[in-house]
């Protein structure tokens, strides 16, 4: 097993592990309960960690996480008039996809 990275919180750790597993890279979250020890241990040692089951997935997993952390940001107006901002490529109001 190989440690891939620390996550800033459990929500992101769980999301990243799910996406890695979906892409064929078995991964687990470790240290998920150490947040309760913050104050007794250094805070950076209490963050959840993502571990890969197979070392050979390390570079592919780093590439996937890099893409997830750096999603392109958009600002566009939908045909329904809604302004859509951020990494969204679909209008939340009507479901129309962002024009290319």
N, C-alpha and C. Protein backbone atom coordinates (compact mmCIF):
# COMPACT_ATOMS: atom_id res chain seq x y z
N UNK A 1 0.84 -1.19 0.00
CA UNK A 1 0.00 0.00 0.00
C UNK A 1 0.88 1.24 0.00
N UNK A 2 0.36 2.30 -0.58
CA UNK A 2 1.12 3.54 -0.72
C UNK A 2 0.22 4.71 -0.37
N UNK A 3 0.72 5.64 0.44
CA UNK A 3 -0.05 6.84 0.76
C UNK A 3 -0.03 7.77 -0.44
N UNK A 4 -1.19 8.19 -0.87
CA UNK A 4 -1.31 9.09 -2.02
C UNK A 4 -1.27 10.55 -1.56
N UNK A 5 -2.12 10.90 -0.60
CA UNK A 5 -2.19 12.30 -0.17
C UNK A 5 -3.02 12.42 1.10
N UNK A 6 -2.98 13.59 1.69
CA UNK A 6 -3.90 13.94 2.77
C UNK A 6 -5.04 14.74 2.15
N UNK A 7 -6.22 14.61 2.72
CA UNK A 7 -7.37 15.39 2.28
C UNK A 7 -7.68 16.43 3.35
N UNK A 8 -8.22 17.58 2.96
CA UNK A 8 -8.51 18.62 3.95
C UNK A 8 -9.66 18.27 4.89
N UNK A 9 -10.51 17.32 4.48
CA UNK A 9 -11.64 16.91 5.33
C UNK A 9 -12.15 15.54 4.87
N UNK A 10 -13.02 14.94 5.68
CA UNK A 10 -13.53 13.60 5.38
C UNK A 10 -14.42 13.58 4.13
N UNK A 11 -15.15 14.65 3.89
CA UNK A 11 -16.03 14.68 2.72
C UNK A 11 -15.22 14.53 1.43
N UNK A 12 -14.16 15.32 1.31
CA UNK A 12 -13.32 15.22 0.11
C UNK A 12 -12.57 13.90 0.07
N UNK A 13 -12.09 13.43 1.20
CA UNK A 13 -11.38 12.15 1.23
C UNK A 13 -12.27 11.04 0.70
N UNK A 14 -13.51 10.99 1.15
CA UNK A 14 -14.44 9.96 0.72
C UNK A 14 -14.76 10.09 -0.76
N UNK A 15 -14.98 11.31 -1.22
CA UNK A 15 -15.26 11.55 -2.63
C UNK A 15 -14.08 11.10 -3.50
N UNK A 16 -12.87 11.52 -3.12
CA UNK A 16 -11.68 11.14 -3.90
C UNK A 16 -11.49 9.63 -3.94
N UNK A 17 -11.67 8.95 -2.82
CA UNK A 17 -11.52 7.50 -2.78
C UNK A 17 -12.57 6.83 -3.68
N UNK A 18 -13.80 7.30 -3.63
CA UNK A 18 -14.84 6.74 -4.49
C UNK A 18 -14.48 6.89 -5.97
N UNK A 19 -13.98 8.06 -6.36
CA UNK A 19 -13.62 8.30 -7.76
C UNK A 19 -12.42 7.46 -8.17
N UNK A 20 -11.44 7.30 -7.28
CA UNK A 20 -10.30 6.45 -7.59
C UNK A 20 -10.75 5.00 -7.79
N UNK A 21 -11.61 4.52 -6.90
CA UNK A 21 -12.10 3.14 -7.01
C UNK A 21 -12.90 2.94 -8.29
N UNK A 22 -13.73 3.92 -8.64
CA UNK A 22 -14.51 3.84 -9.89
C UNK A 22 -13.60 3.75 -11.10
N UNK A 23 -12.41 4.36 -11.01
CA UNK A 23 -11.47 4.36 -12.13
C UNK A 23 -10.52 3.15 -12.07
N UNK A 24 -10.83 2.18 -11.24
CA UNK A 24 -10.06 0.95 -11.19
C UNK A 24 -8.81 0.99 -10.32
N UNK A 25 -8.76 1.96 -9.41
CA UNK A 25 -7.61 2.08 -8.50
C UNK A 25 -8.10 1.93 -7.07
N UNK A 26 -8.11 0.71 -6.53
CA UNK A 26 -8.61 0.50 -5.16
C UNK A 26 -7.87 1.39 -4.16
N UNK A 27 -8.64 2.10 -3.36
CA UNK A 27 -8.08 3.04 -2.38
C UNK A 27 -8.93 3.02 -1.12
N UNK A 28 -8.33 3.47 -0.03
CA UNK A 28 -9.05 3.56 1.25
C UNK A 28 -8.73 4.87 1.93
N UNK A 29 -9.61 5.27 2.85
CA UNK A 29 -9.37 6.43 3.70
C UNK A 29 -8.81 5.92 5.03
N UNK A 30 -7.71 6.47 5.46
CA UNK A 30 -7.11 6.15 6.75
C UNK A 30 -7.16 7.41 7.62
N UNK A 31 -7.05 7.24 8.92
CA UNK A 31 -7.08 8.35 9.89
C UNK A 31 -8.42 9.08 9.89
N UNK A 32 -9.50 8.40 9.54
CA UNK A 32 -10.78 9.10 9.46
C UNK A 32 -11.30 9.54 10.82
N UNK A 33 -10.81 8.97 11.91
CA UNK A 33 -11.32 9.34 13.23
C UNK A 33 -10.31 10.13 14.06
N UNK A 34 -9.17 10.47 13.49
CA UNK A 34 -8.16 11.19 14.26
C UNK A 34 -8.51 12.65 14.50
N UNK A 35 -9.50 13.18 13.80
CA UNK A 35 -9.90 14.56 14.02
C UNK A 35 -10.27 14.82 15.47
N UNK A 36 -10.75 13.80 16.16
CA UNK A 36 -11.11 13.93 17.57
C UNK A 36 -9.88 14.16 18.45
N UNK A 37 -8.70 13.81 17.94
CA UNK A 37 -7.47 13.97 18.72
C UNK A 37 -6.80 15.33 18.48
N UNK A 38 -7.38 16.15 17.60
CA UNK A 38 -6.81 17.47 17.34
C UNK A 38 -6.74 18.24 18.66
N UNK A 39 -5.61 18.82 18.92
CA UNK A 39 -5.39 19.49 20.20
C UNK A 39 -4.44 18.68 21.05
N UNK A 40 -4.51 17.36 20.92
CA UNK A 40 -3.58 16.48 21.61
C UNK A 40 -2.44 16.06 20.68
N UNK A 41 -2.74 16.07 19.38
CA UNK A 41 -1.75 15.76 18.34
C UNK A 41 -1.66 16.96 17.41
N UNK A 42 -0.55 17.11 16.68
CA UNK A 42 -0.48 18.21 15.71
C UNK A 42 -1.62 18.11 14.68
N UNK A 43 -2.26 19.21 14.36
CA UNK A 43 -3.42 19.17 13.46
C UNK A 43 -3.12 18.51 12.11
N UNK A 44 -1.93 18.74 11.56
CA UNK A 44 -1.63 18.16 10.25
C UNK A 44 -1.47 16.63 10.31
N UNK A 45 -1.34 16.08 11.49
CA UNK A 45 -1.26 14.63 11.63
C UNK A 45 -2.64 14.00 11.84
N UNK A 46 -3.66 14.84 11.91
CA UNK A 46 -5.02 14.35 12.16
C UNK A 46 -5.89 14.38 10.90
N UNK A 47 -5.34 14.83 9.79
CA UNK A 47 -6.11 14.89 8.55
C UNK A 47 -6.30 13.49 7.97
N UNK A 48 -7.44 13.25 7.31
CA UNK A 48 -7.63 11.94 6.68
C UNK A 48 -6.63 11.75 5.54
N UNK A 49 -6.21 10.51 5.35
CA UNK A 49 -5.25 10.19 4.30
C UNK A 49 -5.87 9.21 3.31
N UNK A 50 -5.42 9.31 2.07
CA UNK A 50 -5.87 8.40 1.02
C UNK A 50 -4.71 7.48 0.68
N UNK A 51 -4.99 6.20 0.79
CA UNK A 51 -3.99 5.17 0.52
C UNK A 51 -4.45 4.31 -0.65
N UNK A 52 -3.50 4.02 -1.54
CA UNK A 52 -3.75 3.14 -2.68
C UNK A 52 -3.36 1.71 -2.32
N UNK A 53 -4.13 0.76 -2.77
CA UNK A 53 -3.82 -0.64 -2.48
C UNK A 53 -2.60 -1.10 -3.30
N UNK A 54 -2.48 -0.60 -4.55
CA UNK A 54 -1.41 -1.06 -5.44
C UNK A 54 -0.48 0.11 -5.79
N UNK A 55 0.81 -0.05 -5.52
CA UNK A 55 1.79 1.00 -5.79
C UNK A 55 1.83 1.43 -7.25
N UNK A 56 1.55 0.51 -8.16
CA UNK A 56 1.64 0.83 -9.60
C UNK A 56 0.57 1.82 -10.05
N UNK A 57 -0.42 2.11 -9.21
CA UNK A 57 -1.46 3.08 -9.56
C UNK A 57 -1.10 4.51 -9.15
N UNK A 58 0.05 4.70 -8.55
CA UNK A 58 0.39 5.99 -7.95
C UNK A 58 0.36 7.14 -8.95
N UNK A 59 1.04 7.03 -10.07
CA UNK A 59 1.08 8.15 -11.03
C UNK A 59 -0.29 8.43 -11.64
N UNK A 60 -1.02 7.38 -11.99
CA UNK A 60 -2.36 7.57 -12.55
C UNK A 60 -3.29 8.22 -11.53
N UNK A 61 -3.17 7.83 -10.27
CA UNK A 61 -4.00 8.41 -9.21
C UNK A 61 -3.65 9.88 -8.99
N UNK A 62 -2.36 10.21 -9.02
CA UNK A 62 -1.95 11.61 -8.87
C UNK A 62 -2.51 12.47 -10.00
N UNK A 63 -2.49 11.93 -11.21
CA UNK A 63 -3.04 12.66 -12.36
C UNK A 63 -4.53 12.90 -12.19
N UNK A 64 -5.27 11.87 -11.76
CA UNK A 64 -6.71 12.02 -11.56
C UNK A 64 -7.01 13.07 -10.48
N UNK A 65 -6.31 13.01 -9.35
CA UNK A 65 -6.55 13.99 -8.29
C UNK A 65 -6.18 15.40 -8.73
N UNK A 66 -5.12 15.52 -9.52
CA UNK A 66 -4.73 16.84 -10.03
C UNK A 66 -5.83 17.41 -10.91
N UNK A 67 -6.43 16.58 -11.77
CA UNK A 67 -7.54 17.04 -12.60
C UNK A 67 -8.73 17.44 -11.75
N UNK A 68 -9.02 16.68 -10.69
CA UNK A 68 -10.16 17.00 -9.82
C UNK A 68 -9.94 18.30 -9.06
N UNK A 69 -8.72 18.55 -8.63
CA UNK A 69 -8.41 19.76 -7.86
C UNK A 69 -8.36 21.00 -8.74
N UNK A 70 -8.20 20.84 -10.04
CA UNK A 70 -8.02 21.97 -10.94
C UNK A 70 -9.06 21.97 -12.06
N UNK A 71 -10.31 21.80 -11.70
CA UNK A 71 -11.37 21.83 -12.70
C UNK A 71 -11.44 23.20 -13.36
N UNK A 72 -11.64 23.24 -14.67
CA UNK A 72 -11.76 24.54 -15.34
C UNK A 72 -12.98 25.29 -14.83
N UNK A 73 -12.85 26.58 -14.68
CA UNK A 73 -13.94 27.42 -14.19
C UNK A 73 -14.57 28.16 -15.37
N UNK A 74 -15.90 28.22 -15.35
CA UNK A 74 -16.64 28.84 -16.45
C UNK A 74 -17.61 29.88 -15.89
N UNK A 75 -18.00 30.79 -16.76
CA UNK A 75 -19.09 31.73 -16.47
C UNK A 75 -19.83 31.87 -17.78
N UNK A 76 -21.09 31.41 -17.79
CA UNK A 76 -21.87 31.45 -19.02
C UNK A 76 -23.33 31.68 -18.71
N UNK A 77 -24.04 32.22 -19.72
CA UNK A 77 -25.48 32.46 -19.55
C UNK A 77 -26.24 31.40 -20.34
N UNK A 78 -27.12 30.73 -19.66
CA UNK A 78 -27.94 29.68 -20.26
C UNK A 78 -29.04 30.30 -21.11
N UNK A 79 -29.62 29.49 -21.98
CA UNK A 79 -30.74 29.96 -22.82
C UNK A 79 -31.94 30.35 -21.97
N UNK A 80 -32.03 29.80 -20.74
CA UNK A 80 -33.16 30.15 -19.86
C UNK A 80 -32.90 31.47 -19.13
N UNK A 81 -31.69 32.06 -19.31
CA UNK A 81 -31.36 33.32 -18.68
C UNK A 81 -30.52 33.20 -17.42
N UNK A 82 -30.35 31.99 -16.91
CA UNK A 82 -29.58 31.76 -15.69
C UNK A 82 -28.09 31.95 -15.95
N UNK A 83 -27.41 32.63 -15.01
CA UNK A 83 -25.94 32.75 -15.07
C UNK A 83 -25.37 31.57 -14.29
N UNK A 84 -24.50 30.80 -14.95
CA UNK A 84 -23.90 29.61 -14.34
C UNK A 84 -22.41 29.87 -14.18
N UNK A 85 -21.90 29.71 -12.96
CA UNK A 85 -20.49 29.97 -12.68
C UNK A 85 -19.84 28.76 -12.01
N UNK A 86 -18.54 28.67 -12.18
CA UNK A 86 -17.77 27.61 -11.52
C UNK A 86 -17.42 26.50 -12.49
N UNK A 87 -17.32 25.31 -11.95
CA UNK A 87 -16.96 24.15 -12.75
C UNK A 87 -18.15 23.46 -13.38
N UNK A 88 -19.30 24.10 -13.38
CA UNK A 88 -20.52 23.46 -13.86
C UNK A 88 -20.65 23.60 -15.37
N UNK A 89 -21.02 22.51 -16.02
CA UNK A 89 -21.21 22.51 -17.46
C UNK A 89 -22.66 22.26 -17.83
N UNK A 90 -23.54 22.30 -16.80
CA UNK A 90 -24.96 22.11 -17.02
C UNK A 90 -25.72 23.10 -16.15
N UNK A 91 -26.76 23.68 -16.70
CA UNK A 91 -27.58 24.65 -15.96
C UNK A 91 -28.36 23.93 -14.87
N UNK A 92 -28.29 24.47 -13.67
CA UNK A 92 -29.02 23.87 -12.54
C UNK A 92 -30.52 24.11 -12.69
N UNK A 93 -30.89 25.17 -13.40
CA UNK A 93 -32.28 25.57 -13.51
C UNK A 93 -33.06 24.74 -14.53
N UNK A 94 -32.47 24.54 -15.72
CA UNK A 94 -33.23 23.85 -16.78
C UNK A 94 -32.53 22.60 -17.31
N UNK A 95 -31.28 22.40 -16.96
CA UNK A 95 -30.57 21.19 -17.39
C UNK A 95 -29.86 21.31 -18.71
N UNK A 96 -29.89 22.49 -19.34
CA UNK A 96 -29.21 22.68 -20.62
C UNK A 96 -27.70 22.59 -20.42
N UNK A 97 -27.01 21.93 -21.36
CA UNK A 97 -25.57 21.83 -21.31
C UNK A 97 -24.92 23.13 -21.79
N UNK A 98 -23.76 23.43 -21.24
CA UNK A 98 -22.99 24.62 -21.62
C UNK A 98 -22.65 24.55 -23.11
N UNK A 99 -22.84 25.65 -23.84
CA UNK A 99 -22.47 25.65 -25.25
C UNK A 99 -20.94 25.53 -25.40
N UNK A 100 -20.53 24.82 -26.39
CA UNK A 100 -19.09 24.62 -26.63
C UNK A 100 -18.54 25.66 -27.52
